[in-house]
Amino acid sequence: RGSATIFLGTSRSGASPGLDYFACDVSHLEEYAPPPGAAFQQLRSVGGALSRDEDAGILAAARGMAVWHRAARFCQSCGSGDMAPSKAGNARKCGACGAGAYPRI
């Protein structure tokens, strides 16, 4: 079961306009360790420490999309488990019947 690389969007203002944001869920990788000096934390426990409101929104969108990708493993049309990320990680497509699935917004 692989991770989807998810395009979250491009910043339009602030200190870095034009900066692209991506997310990748590594929660299922037991052997993955964060870089030295870093640690994985629950979003709720670090949300108050973020200096910009935009950062909280980006992290919330990333977590929401990662959870959706983990939950949408089977096709709603044919029941196949051959669902793969599509449209830059913002949808999933069934390899068996071609049906698409999109997260609720």
PDB file of N, CA and C in Angstrom:
ATOM      1  N   ARG A   1       0.863  -1.167   0.000  1.00  0.00           N
ATOM      2  CA  ARG A   1       0.000   0.000   0.000  1.00  0.00           C
ATOM      3  C   ARG A   1       0.897   1.214   0.000  1.00  0.00           C
ATOM      4  N   GLY A   2       0.839   1.992  -1.032  1.00  0.00           N
ATOM      5  CA  GLY A   2       1.725   3.121  -1.193  1.00  0.00           C
ATOM      6  C   GLY A   2       1.115   4.427  -0.722  1.00  0.00           C
ATOM      7  N   SER A   3       1.939   5.426  -0.627  1.00  0.00           N
ATOM      8  CA  SER A   3       1.497   6.748  -0.230  1.00  0.00           C
ATOM      9  C   SER A   3       1.172   7.565  -1.458  1.00  0.00           C
ATOM     10  N   ALA A   4       0.151   8.362  -1.358  1.00  0.00           N
ATOM     11  CA  ALA A   4      -0.182   9.293  -2.428  1.00  0.00           C
ATOM     12  C   ALA A   4       0.555  10.597  -2.168  1.00  0.00           C
ATOM     13  N   THR A   5       1.134  11.162  -3.209  1.00  0.00           N
ATOM     14  CA  THR A   5       1.662  12.509  -3.103  1.00  0.00           C
ATOM     15  C   THR A   5       0.505  13.420  -3.468  1.00  0.00           C
ATOM     16  N   ILE A   6       0.173  14.326  -2.589  1.00  0.00           N
ATOM     17  CA  ILE A   6      -1.028  15.136  -2.727  1.00  0.00           C
ATOM     18  C   ILE A   6      -0.645  16.601  -2.912  1.00  0.00           C
ATOM     19  N   PHE A   7      -1.104  17.188  -4.005  1.00  0.00           N
ATOM     20  CA  PHE A   7      -0.892  18.617  -4.238  1.00  0.00           C
ATOM     21  C   PHE A   7      -1.951  19.374  -3.454  1.00  0.00           C
ATOM     22  N   LEU A   8      -1.519  20.226  -2.524  1.00  0.00           N
ATOM     23  CA  LEU A   8      -2.440  20.961  -1.660  1.00  0.00           C
ATOM     24  C   LEU A   8      -2.772  22.343  -2.196  1.00  0.00           C
ATOM     25  N   GLY A   9      -1.908  22.891  -3.031  1.00  0.00           N
ATOM     26  CA  GLY A   9      -2.171  24.209  -3.595  1.00  0.00           C
ATOM     27  C   GLY A   9      -0.921  25.059  -3.647  1.00  0.00           C
ATOM     28  N   THR A  10      -1.093  26.277  -4.125  1.00  0.00           N
ATOM     29  CA  THR A  10      -0.002  27.239  -4.276  1.00  0.00           C
ATOM     30  C   THR A  10      -0.334  28.484  -3.473  1.00  0.00           C
ATOM     31  N   SER A  11       0.640  28.972  -2.702  1.00  0.00           N
ATOM     32  CA  SER A  11       0.404  30.193  -1.921  1.00  0.00           C
ATOM     33  C   SER A  11       0.265  31.380  -2.865  1.00  0.00           C
ATOM     34  N   ARG A  12      -0.642  32.273  -2.505  1.00  0.00           N
ATOM     35  CA  ARG A  12      -0.890  33.441  -3.354  1.00  0.00           C
ATOM     36  C   ARG A  12      -0.400  34.728  -2.723  1.00  0.00           C
ATOM     37  N   SER A  13      -0.071  34.669  -1.450  1.00  0.00           N
ATOM     38  CA  SER A  13       0.374  35.883  -0.757  1.00  0.00           C
ATOM     39  C   SER A  13       1.327  35.493   0.358  1.00  0.00           C
ATOM     40  N   GLY A  14       1.648  36.425   1.191  1.00  0.00           N
ATOM     41  CA  GLY A  14       2.527  36.159   2.320  1.00  0.00           C
ATOM     42  C   GLY A  14       3.988  36.270   1.938  1.00  0.00           C
ATOM     43  N   ALA A  15       4.839  35.660   2.742  1.00  0.00           N
ATOM     44  CA  ALA A  15       6.284  35.766   2.546  1.00  0.00           C
ATOM     45  C   ALA A  15       6.768  35.001   1.321  1.00  0.00           C
ATOM     46  N   SER A  16       6.015  33.993   0.889  1.00  0.00           N
ATOM     47  CA  SER A  16       6.464  33.149  -0.228  1.00  0.00           C
ATOM     48  C   SER A  16       5.359  32.934  -1.254  1.00  0.00           C
ATOM     49  N   PRO A  17       4.924  33.971  -1.969  1.00  0.00           N
ATOM     50  CA  PRO A  17       3.898  33.749  -2.987  1.00  0.00           C
ATOM     51  C   PRO A  17       4.439  32.836  -4.086  1.00  0.00           C
ATOM     52  N   GLY A  18       3.582  31.976  -4.574  1.00  0.00           N
ATOM     53  CA  GLY A  18       3.992  31.047  -5.628  1.00  0.00           C
ATOM     54  C   GLY A  18       4.589  29.753  -5.102  1.00  0.00           C
ATOM     55  N   LEU A  19       4.617  29.570  -3.785  1.00  0.00           N
ATOM     56  CA  LEU A  19       5.170  28.363  -3.184  1.00  0.00           C
ATOM     57  C   LEU A  19       4.137  27.242  -3.268  1.00  0.00           C
ATOM     58  N   ASP A  20       4.528  26.084  -3.829  1.00  0.00           N
ATOM     59  CA  ASP A  20       3.633  24.934  -3.938  1.00  0.00           C
ATOM     60  C   ASP A  20       3.721  24.086  -2.680  1.00  0.00           C
ATOM     61  N   TYR A  21       2.571  23.591  -2.226  1.00  0.00           N
ATOM     62  CA  TYR A  21       2.503  22.739  -1.042  1.00  0.00           C
ATOM     63  C   TYR A  21       2.061  21.338  -1.430  1.00  0.00           C
ATOM     64  N   PHE A  22       2.790  20.333  -0.927  1.00  0.00           N
ATOM     65  CA  PHE A  22       2.484  18.934  -1.162  1.00  0.00           C
ATOM     66  C   PHE A  22       2.439  18.205   0.172  1.00  0.00           C
ATOM     67  N   ALA A  23       1.731  17.081   0.187  1.00  0.00           N
ATOM     68  CA  ALA A  23       1.680  16.231   1.374  1.00  0.00           C
ATOM     69  C   ALA A  23       1.923  14.793   0.948  1.00  0.00           C
ATOM     70  N   CYS A  24       2.484  14.018   1.855  1.00  0.00           N
ATOM     71  CA  CYS A  24       2.683  12.586   1.641  1.00  0.00           C
ATOM     72  C   CYS A  24       2.502  11.888   2.979  1.00  0.00           C
ATOM     73  N   ASP A  25       1.606  10.916   3.017  1.00  0.00           N
ATOM     74  CA  ASP A  25       1.311  10.193   4.253  1.00  0.00           C
ATOM     75  C   ASP A  25       2.369   9.109   4.462  1.00  0.00           C
ATOM     76  N   VAL A  26       3.107   9.188   5.549  1.00  0.00           N
ATOM     77  CA  VAL A  26       4.111   8.169   5.877  1.00  0.00           C
ATOM     78  C   VAL A  26       3.736   7.400   7.143  1.00  0.00           C
ATOM     79  N   SER A  27       2.490   7.560   7.606  1.00  0.00           N
ATOM     80  CA  SER A  27       2.082   6.944   8.864  1.00  0.00           C
ATOM     81  C   SER A  27       2.122   5.423   8.824  1.00  0.00           C
ATOM     82  N   HIS A  28       2.012   4.834   7.646  1.00  0.00           N
ATOM     83  CA  HIS A  28       2.014   3.371   7.537  1.00  0.00           C
ATOM     84  C   HIS A  28       3.427   2.789   7.419  1.00  0.00           C
ATOM     85  N   LEU A  29       4.431   3.619   7.332  1.00  0.00           N
ATOM     86  CA  LEU A  29       5.809   3.153   7.178  1.00  0.00           C
ATOM     87  C   LEU A  29       6.456   2.987   8.543  1.00  0.00           C
ATOM     88  N   GLU A  30       6.501   1.770   9.032  1.00  0.00           N
ATOM     89  CA  GLU A  30       7.077   1.519  10.353  1.00  0.00           C
ATOM     90  C   GLU A  30       8.567   1.837  10.395  1.00  0.00           C
ATOM     91  N   GLU A  31       9.256   1.621   9.274  1.00  0.00           N
ATOM     92  CA  GLU A  31      10.701   1.822   9.275  1.00  0.00           C
ATOM     93  C   GLU A  31      11.096   3.280   9.039  1.00  0.00           C
ATOM     94  N   TYR A  32      10.117   4.139   8.724  1.00  0.00           N
ATOM     95  CA  TYR A  32      10.437   5.539   8.466  1.00  0.00           C
ATOM     96  C   TYR A  32      10.651   6.272   9.788  1.00  0.00           C
ATOM     97  N   ALA A  33      11.730   6.976   9.865  1.00  0.00           N
ATOM     98  CA  ALA A  33      12.033   7.765  11.064  1.00  0.00           C
ATOM     99  C   ALA A  33      12.207   9.220  10.645  1.00  0.00           C
ATOM    100  N   PRO A  34      11.746  10.140  11.456  1.00  0.00           N
ATOM    101  CA  PRO A  34      11.944  11.551  11.122  1.00  0.00           C
ATOM    102  C   PRO A  34      13.431  11.898  11.160  1.00  0.00           C
ATOM    103  N   PRO A  35      13.811  12.982  10.509  1.00  0.00           N
ATOM    104  CA  PRO A  35      15.215  13.403  10.530  1.00  0.00           C
ATOM    105  C   PRO A  35      15.689  13.679  11.950  1.00  0.00           C
ATOM    106  N   PRO A  36      16.998  13.620  12.203  1.00  0.00           N
ATOM    107  CA  PRO A  36      17.531  13.913  13.538  1.00  0.00           C
ATOM    108  C   PRO A  36      17.061  15.296  14.018  1.00  0.00           C
ATOM    109  N   GLY A  37      16.641  15.356  15.251  1.00  0.00           N
ATOM    110  CA  GLY A  37      16.179  16.605  15.838  1.00  0.00           C
ATOM    111  C   GLY A  37      14.703  16.889  15.583  1.00  0.00           C
ATOM    112  N   ALA A  38      14.025  16.022  14.826  1.00  0.00           N
ATOM    113  CA  ALA A  38      12.604  16.203  14.531  1.00  0.00           C
ATOM    114  C   ALA A  38      11.817  15.045  15.130  1.00  0.00           C
ATOM    115  N   ALA A  39      10.519  15.221  15.253  1.00  0.00           N
ATOM    116  CA  ALA A  39       9.654  14.172  15.797  1.00  0.00           C
ATOM    117  C   ALA A  39       8.273  14.299  15.181  1.00  0.00           C
ATOM    118  N   PHE A  40       7.590  13.170  15.034  1.00  0.00           N
ATOM    119  CA  PHE A  40       6.206  13.196  14.585  1.00  0.00           C
ATOM    120  C   PHE A  40       5.325  13.573  15.761  1.00  0.00           C
ATOM    121  N   GLN A  41       4.355  14.435  15.512  1.00  0.00           N
ATOM    122  CA  GLN A  41       3.425  14.881  16.549  1.00  0.00           C
ATOM    123  C   GLN A  41       2.015  14.877  15.978  1.00  0.00           C
ATOM    124  N   GLN A  42       1.030  14.740  16.853  1.00  0.00           N
ATOM    125  CA  GLN A  42      -0.358  14.872  16.441  1.00  0.00           C
ATOM    126  C   GLN A  42      -0.633  16.344  16.147  1.00  0.00           C
ATOM    127  N   LEU A  43      -1.416  16.594  15.118  1.00  0.00           N
ATOM    128  CA  LEU A  43      -1.711  17.966  14.708  1.00  0.00           C
ATOM    129  C   LEU A  43      -2.333  18.771  15.851  1.00  0.00           C
ATOM    130  N   ARG A  44      -3.218  18.149  16.614  1.00  0.00           N
ATOM    131  CA  ARG A  44      -3.866  18.873  17.715  1.00  0.00           C
ATOM    132  C   ARG A  44      -2.868  19.349  18.765  1.00  0.00           C
ATOM    133  N   SER A  45      -1.807  18.586  18.969  1.00  0.00           N
ATOM    134  CA  SER A  45      -0.854  18.958  20.018  1.00  0.00           C
ATOM    135  C   SER A  45       0.089  20.075  19.589  1.00  0.00           C
ATOM    136  N   VAL A  46       0.270  20.299  18.302  1.00  0.00           N
ATOM    137  CA  VAL A  46       1.194  21.344  17.846  1.00  0.00           C
ATOM    138  C   VAL A  46       0.487  22.525  17.210  1.00  0.00           C
ATOM    139  N   GLY A  47      -0.812  22.423  16.990  1.00  0.00           N
ATOM    140  CA  GLY A  47      -1.551  23.490  16.313  1.00  0.00           C
ATOM    141  C   GLY A  47      -1.410  24.844  16.968  1.00  0.00           C
ATOM    142  N   GLY A  48      -1.424  24.884  18.278  1.00  0.00           N
ATOM    143  CA  GLY A  48      -1.302  26.151  18.991  1.00  0.00           C
ATOM    144  C   GLY A  48       0.068  26.780  18.889  1.00  0.00           C
ATOM    145  N   ALA A  49       1.076  26.007  18.517  1.00  0.00           N
ATOM    146  CA  ALA A  49       2.434  26.532  18.424  1.00  0.00           C
ATOM    147  C   ALA A  49       2.744  27.122  17.045  1.00  0.00           C
ATOM    148  N   LEU A  50       1.832  26.968  16.098  1.00  0.00           N
ATOM    149  CA  LEU A  50       2.071  27.490  14.750  1.00  0.00           C
ATOM    150  C   LEU A  50       1.959  29.008  14.760  1.00  0.00           C
ATOM    151  N   SER A  51       2.850  29.665  14.043  1.00  0.00           N
ATOM    152  CA  SER A  51       2.880  31.122  14.076  1.00  0.00           C
ATOM    153  C   SER A  51       1.927  31.752  13.059  1.00  0.00           C
ATOM    154  N   ARG A  52       1.527  31.003  12.039  1.00  0.00           N
ATOM    155  CA  ARG A  52       0.631  31.568  11.018  1.00  0.00           C
ATOM    156  C   ARG A  52      -0.642  30.732  10.911  1.00  0.00           C
ATOM    157  N   ASP A  53      -1.781  31.391  10.764  1.00  0.00           N
ATOM    158  CA  ASP A  53      -3.043  30.685  10.579  1.00  0.00           C
ATOM    159  C   ASP A  53      -3.005  29.826   9.318  1.00  0.00           C
ATOM    160  N   GLU A  54      -2.307  30.300   8.293  1.00  0.00           N
ATOM    161  CA  GLU A  54      -2.213  29.559   7.040  1.00  0.00           C
ATOM    162  C   GLU A  54      -1.572  28.188   7.242  1.00  0.00           C
ATOM    163  N   ASP A  55      -0.603  28.116   8.153  1.00  0.00           N
ATOM    164  CA  ASP A  55       0.068  26.843   8.416  1.00  0.00           C
ATOM    165  C   ASP A  55      -0.903  25.814   8.984  1.00  0.00           C
ATOM    166  N   ALA A  56      -1.774  26.260   9.875  1.00  0.00           N
ATOM    167  CA  ALA A  56      -2.768  25.350  10.445  1.00  0.00           C
ATOM    168  C   ALA A  56      -3.702  24.840   9.360  1.00  0.00           C
ATOM    169  N   GLY A  57      -4.108  25.703   8.451  1.00  0.00           N
ATOM    170  CA  GLY A  57      -4.978  25.291   7.351  1.00  0.00           C
ATOM    171  C   GLY A  57      -4.313  24.300   6.421  1.00  0.00           C
ATOM    172  N   ILE A  58      -3.047  24.525   6.136  1.00  0.00           N
ATOM    173  CA  ILE A  58      -2.302  23.614   5.258  1.00  0.00           C
ATOM    174  C   ILE A  58      -2.161  22.252   5.920  1.00  0.00           C
ATOM    175  N   LEU A  59      -1.806  22.242   7.193  1.00  0.00           N
ATOM    176  CA  LEU A  59      -1.663  20.963   7.903  1.00  0.00           C
ATOM    177  C   LEU A  59      -2.992  20.234   8.036  1.00  0.00           C
ATOM    178  N   ALA A  60      -4.071  20.962   8.278  1.00  0.00           N
ATOM    179  CA  ALA A  60      -5.389  20.336   8.386  1.00  0.00           C
ATOM    180  C   ALA A  60      -5.804  19.734   7.045  1.00  0.00           C
ATOM    181  N   ALA A  61      -5.554  20.450   5.954  1.00  0.00           N
ATOM    182  CA  ALA A  61      -5.885  19.920   4.620  1.00  0.00           C
ATOM    183  C   ALA A  61      -5.054  18.682   4.312  1.00  0.00           C
ATOM    184  N   ALA A  62      -3.776  18.717   4.663  1.00  0.00           N
ATOM    185  CA  ALA A  62      -2.902  17.566   4.417  1.00  0.00           C
ATOM    186  C   ALA A  62      -3.375  16.338   5.186  1.00  0.00           C
ATOM    187  N   ARG A  63      -3.714  16.533   6.452  1.00  0.00           N
ATOM    188  CA  ARG A  63      -4.177  15.405   7.254  1.00  0.00           C
ATOM    189  C   ARG A  63      -5.511  14.873   6.746  1.00  0.00           C
ATOM    190  N   GLY A  64      -6.421  15.772   6.415  1.00  0.00           N
ATOM    191  CA  GLY A  64      -7.716  15.349   5.899  1.00  0.00           C
ATOM    192  C   GLY A  64      -7.604  14.538   4.621  1.00  0.00           C
ATOM    193  N   MET A  65      -6.750  14.986   3.713  1.00  0.00           N
ATOM    194  CA  MET A  65      -6.568  14.252   2.454  1.00  0.00           C
ATOM    195  C   MET A  65      -5.888  12.909   2.696  1.00  0.00           C
ATOM    196  N   ALA A  66      -4.932  12.855   3.606  1.00  0.00           N
ATOM    197  CA  ALA A  66      -4.253  11.582   3.905  1.00  0.00           C
ATOM    198  C   ALA A  66      -5.234  10.581   4.500  1.00  0.00           C
ATOM    199  N   VAL A  67      -6.081  11.037   5.412  1.00  0.00           N
ATOM    200  CA  VAL A  67      -7.084  10.152   6.013  1.00  0.00           C
ATOM    201  C   VAL A  67      -8.059   9.671   4.949  1.00  0.00           C
ATOM    202  N   TRP A  68      -8.487  10.558   4.052  1.00  0.00           N
ATOM    203  CA  TRP A  68      -9.404  10.164   2.982  1.00  0.00           C
ATOM    204  C   TRP A  68      -8.767   9.106   2.077  1.00  0.00           C
ATOM    205  N   HIS A  69      -7.508   9.287   1.711  1.00  0.00           N
ATOM    206  CA  HIS A  69      -6.825   8.302   0.852  1.00  0.00           C
ATOM    207  C   HIS A  69      -6.758   6.932   1.529  1.00  0.00           C
ATOM    208  N   ARG A  70      -6.520   6.912   2.827  1.00  0.00           N
ATOM    209  CA  ARG A  70      -6.482   5.630   3.542  1.00  0.00           C
ATOM    210  C   ARG A  70      -7.859   4.978   3.590  1.00  0.00           C
ATOM    211  N   ALA A  71      -8.915   5.780   3.662  1.00  0.00           N
ATOM    212  CA  ALA A  71     -10.276   5.245   3.790  1.00  0.00           C
ATOM    213  C   ALA A  71     -10.888   4.843   2.443  1.00  0.00           C
ATOM    214  N   ALA A  72     -10.465   5.473   1.359  1.00  0.00           N
ATOM    215  CA  ALA A  72     -11.067   5.237   0.038  1.00  0.00           C
ATOM    216  C   ALA A  72     -10.268   4.210  -0.754  1.00  0.00           C
ATOM    217  N   ARG A  73     -10.080   3.031  -0.172  1.00  0.00           N
ATOM    218  CA  ARG A  73      -9.260   2.006  -0.831  1.00  0.00           C
ATOM    219  C   ARG A  73     -10.048   1.143  -1.798  1.00  0.00           C
ATOM    220  N   PHE A  74     -11.375   1.136  -1.670  1.00  0.00           N
ATOM    221  CA  PHE A  74     -12.195   0.276  -2.524  1.00  0.00           C
ATOM    222  C   PHE A  74     -13.139   1.116  -3.382  1.00  0.00           C
ATOM    223  N   CYS A  75     -13.361   0.663  -4.612  1.00  0.00           N
ATOM    224  CA  CYS A  75     -14.221   1.373  -5.549  1.00  0.00           C
ATOM    225  C   CYS A  75     -15.672   1.321  -5.079  1.00  0.00           C
ATOM    226  N   GLN A  76     -16.331   2.454  -5.107  1.00  0.00           N
ATOM    227  CA  GLN A  76     -17.726   2.520  -4.709  1.00  0.00           C
ATOM    228  C   GLN A  76     -18.647   1.960  -5.784  1.00  0.00           C
ATOM    229  N   SER A  77     -18.144   1.833  -7.018  1.00  0.00           N
ATOM    230  CA  SER A  77     -18.973   1.319  -8.109  1.00  0.00           C
ATOM    231  C   SER A  77     -18.898  -0.190  -8.244  1.00  0.00           C
ATOM    232  N   CYS A  78     -17.665  -0.741  -8.238  1.00  0.00           N
ATOM    233  CA  CYS A  78     -17.521  -2.182  -8.501  1.00  0.00           C
ATOM    234  C   CYS A  78     -16.946  -2.967  -7.322  1.00  0.00           C
ATOM    235  N   GLY A  79     -16.463  -2.287  -6.299  1.00  0.00           N
ATOM    236  CA  GLY A  79     -15.922  -2.955  -5.117  1.00  0.00           C
ATOM    237  C   GLY A  79     -14.473  -3.378  -5.236  1.00  0.00           C
ATOM    238  N   SER A  80     -13.839  -3.099  -6.359  1.00  0.00           N
ATOM    239  CA  SER A  80     -12.438  -3.480  -6.567  1.00  0.00           C
ATOM    240  C   SER A  80     -11.531  -2.746  -5.584  1.00  0.00           C
ATOM    241  N   GLY A  81     -10.453  -3.398  -5.222  1.00  0.00           N
ATOM    242  CA  GLY A  81      -9.444  -2.775  -4.370  1.00  0.00           C
ATOM    243  C   GLY A  81      -8.343  -2.129  -5.182  1.00  0.00           C
ATOM    244  N   ASP A  82      -8.579  -1.956  -6.468  1.00  0.00           N
ATOM    245  CA  ASP A  82      -7.578  -1.413  -7.387  1.00  0.00           C
ATOM    246  C   ASP A  82      -7.745   0.094  -7.546  1.00  0.00           C
ATOM    247  N   MET A  83      -7.830   0.797  -6.433  1.00  0.00           N
ATOM    248  CA  MET A  83      -7.958   2.257  -6.468  1.00  0.00           C
ATOM    249  C   MET A  83      -6.575   2.879  -6.361  1.00  0.00           C
ATOM    250  N   ALA A  84      -6.331   3.875  -7.190  1.00  0.00           N
ATOM    251  CA  ALA A  84      -5.027   4.542  -7.196  1.00  0.00           C
ATOM    252  C   ALA A  84      -5.234   6.054  -7.181  1.00  0.00           C
ATOM    253  N   PRO A  85      -4.308   6.790  -6.595  1.00  0.00           N
ATOM    254  CA  PRO A  85      -4.407   8.254  -6.619  1.00  0.00           C
ATOM    255  C   PRO A  85      -4.391   8.780  -8.051  1.00  0.00           C
ATOM    256  N   SER A  86      -5.147   9.836  -8.287  1.00  0.00           N
ATOM    257  CA  SER A  86      -5.133  10.512  -9.583  1.00  0.00           C
ATOM    258  C   SER A  86      -5.335  12.005  -9.355  1.00  0.00           C
ATOM    259  N   LYS A  87      -5.214  12.770 -10.410  1.00  0.00           N
ATOM    260  CA  LYS A  87      -5.397  14.231 -10.361  1.00  0.00           C
ATOM    261  C   LYS A  87      -4.585  14.863  -9.246  1.00  0.00           C
ATOM    262  N   ALA A  88      -3.292  14.604  -9.258  1.00  0.00           N
ATOM    263  CA  ALA A  88      -2.346  15.167  -8.293  1.00  0.00           C
ATOM    264  C   ALA A  88      -2.702  14.822  -6.851  1.00  0.00           C
ATOM    265  N   GLY A  89      -3.320  13.636  -6.650  1.00  0.00           N
ATOM    266  CA  GLY A  89      -3.665  13.195  -5.312  1.00  0.00           C
ATOM    267  C   GLY A  89      -4.986  13.724  -4.807  1.00  0.00           C
ATOM    268  N   ASN A  90      -5.704  14.463  -5.641  1.00  0.00           N
ATOM    269  CA  ASN A  90      -6.977  15.029  -5.218  1.00  0.00           C
ATOM    270  C   ASN A  90      -8.174  14.179  -5.611  1.00  0.00           C
ATOM    271  N   ALA A  91      -7.928  12.993  -6.131  1.00  0.00           N
ATOM    272  CA  ALA A  91      -8.977  12.035  -6.499  1.00  0.00           C
ATOM    273  C   ALA A  91      -8.359  10.645  -6.472  1.00  0.00           C
ATOM    274  N   ARG A  92      -9.212   9.632  -6.601  1.00  0.00           N
ATOM    275  CA  ARG A  92      -8.758   8.249  -6.753  1.00  0.00           C
ATOM    276  C   ARG A  92      -9.511   7.672  -7.933  1.00  0.00           C
ATOM    277  N   LYS A  93      -8.846   6.799  -8.677  1.00  0.00           N
ATOM    278  CA  LYS A  93      -9.459   6.201  -9.856  1.00  0.00           C
ATOM    279  C   LYS A  93      -9.338   4.692  -9.780  1.00  0.00           C
ATOM    280  N   CYS A  94     -10.433   4.006 -10.131  1.00  0.00           N
ATOM    281  CA  CYS A  94     -10.465   2.544 -10.103  1.00  0.00           C
ATOM    282  C   CYS A  94      -9.794   2.000 -11.362  1.00  0.00           C
ATOM    283  N   GLY A  95      -8.849   1.104 -11.164  1.00  0.00           N
ATOM    284  CA  GLY A  95      -8.171   0.463 -12.275  1.00  0.00           C
ATOM    285  C   GLY A  95      -9.026  -0.587 -12.954  1.00  0.00           C
ATOM    286  N   ALA A  96     -10.072  -1.063 -12.278  1.00  0.00           N
ATOM    287  CA  ALA A  96     -10.930  -2.103 -12.847  1.00  0.00           C
ATOM    288  C   ALA A  96     -12.046  -1.533 -13.721  1.00  0.00           C
ATOM    289  N   CYS A  97     -12.750  -0.511 -13.226  1.00  0.00           N
ATOM    290  CA  CYS A  97     -13.901   0.005 -13.980  1.00  0.00           C
ATOM    291  C   CYS A  97     -13.737   1.460 -14.418  1.00  0.00           C
ATOM    292  N   GLY A  98     -12.706   2.143 -13.936  1.00  0.00           N
ATOM    293  CA  GLY A  98     -12.444   3.524 -14.339  1.00  0.00           C
ATOM    294  C   GLY A  98     -13.211   4.575 -13.551  1.00  0.00           C
ATOM    295  N   ALA A  99     -14.007   4.152 -12.569  1.00  0.00           N
ATOM    296  CA  ALA A  99     -14.785   5.132 -11.784  1.00  0.00           C
ATOM    297  C   ALA A  99     -13.850   5.998 -10.952  1.00  0.00           C
ATOM    298  N   GLY A 100     -14.247   7.243 -10.756  1.00  0.00           N
ATOM    299  CA  GLY A 100     -13.468   8.161  -9.932  1.00  0.00           C
ATOM    300  C   GLY A 100     -14.117   8.377  -8.585  1.00  0.00           C
ATOM    301  N   ALA A 101     -13.312   8.701  -7.612  1.00  0.00           N
ATOM    302  CA  ALA A 101     -13.798   9.029  -6.277  1.00  0.00           C
ATOM    303  C   ALA A 101     -13.123  10.321  -5.840  1.00  0.00           C
ATOM    304  N   TYR A 102     -13.898  11.184  -5.190  1.00  0.00           N
ATOM    305  CA  TYR A 102     -13.409  12.479  -4.767  1.00  0.00           C
ATOM    306  C   TYR A 102     -13.740  12.684  -3.295  1.00  0.00           C
ATOM    307  N   PRO A 103     -12.883  13.394  -2.557  1.00  0.00           N
ATOM    308  CA  PRO A 103     -13.181  13.634  -1.144  1.00  0.00           C
ATOM    309  C   PRO A 103     -14.306  14.661  -1.016  1.00  0.00           C
ATOM    310  N   ARG A 104     -15.025  14.576   0.086  1.00  0.00           N
ATOM    311  CA  ARG A 104     -16.030  15.601   0.367  1.00  0.00           C
ATOM    312  C   ARG A 104     -15.310  16.877   0.773  1.00  0.00           C
ATOM    313  N   ILE A 105     -15.821  17.971   0.338  1.00  0.00           N
ATOM    314  CA  ILE A 105     -15.202  19.257   0.661  1.00  0.00           C
ATOM    315  C   ILE A 105     -16.057  19.994   1.666  1.00  0.00           C
TER     316      ILE A 105
END
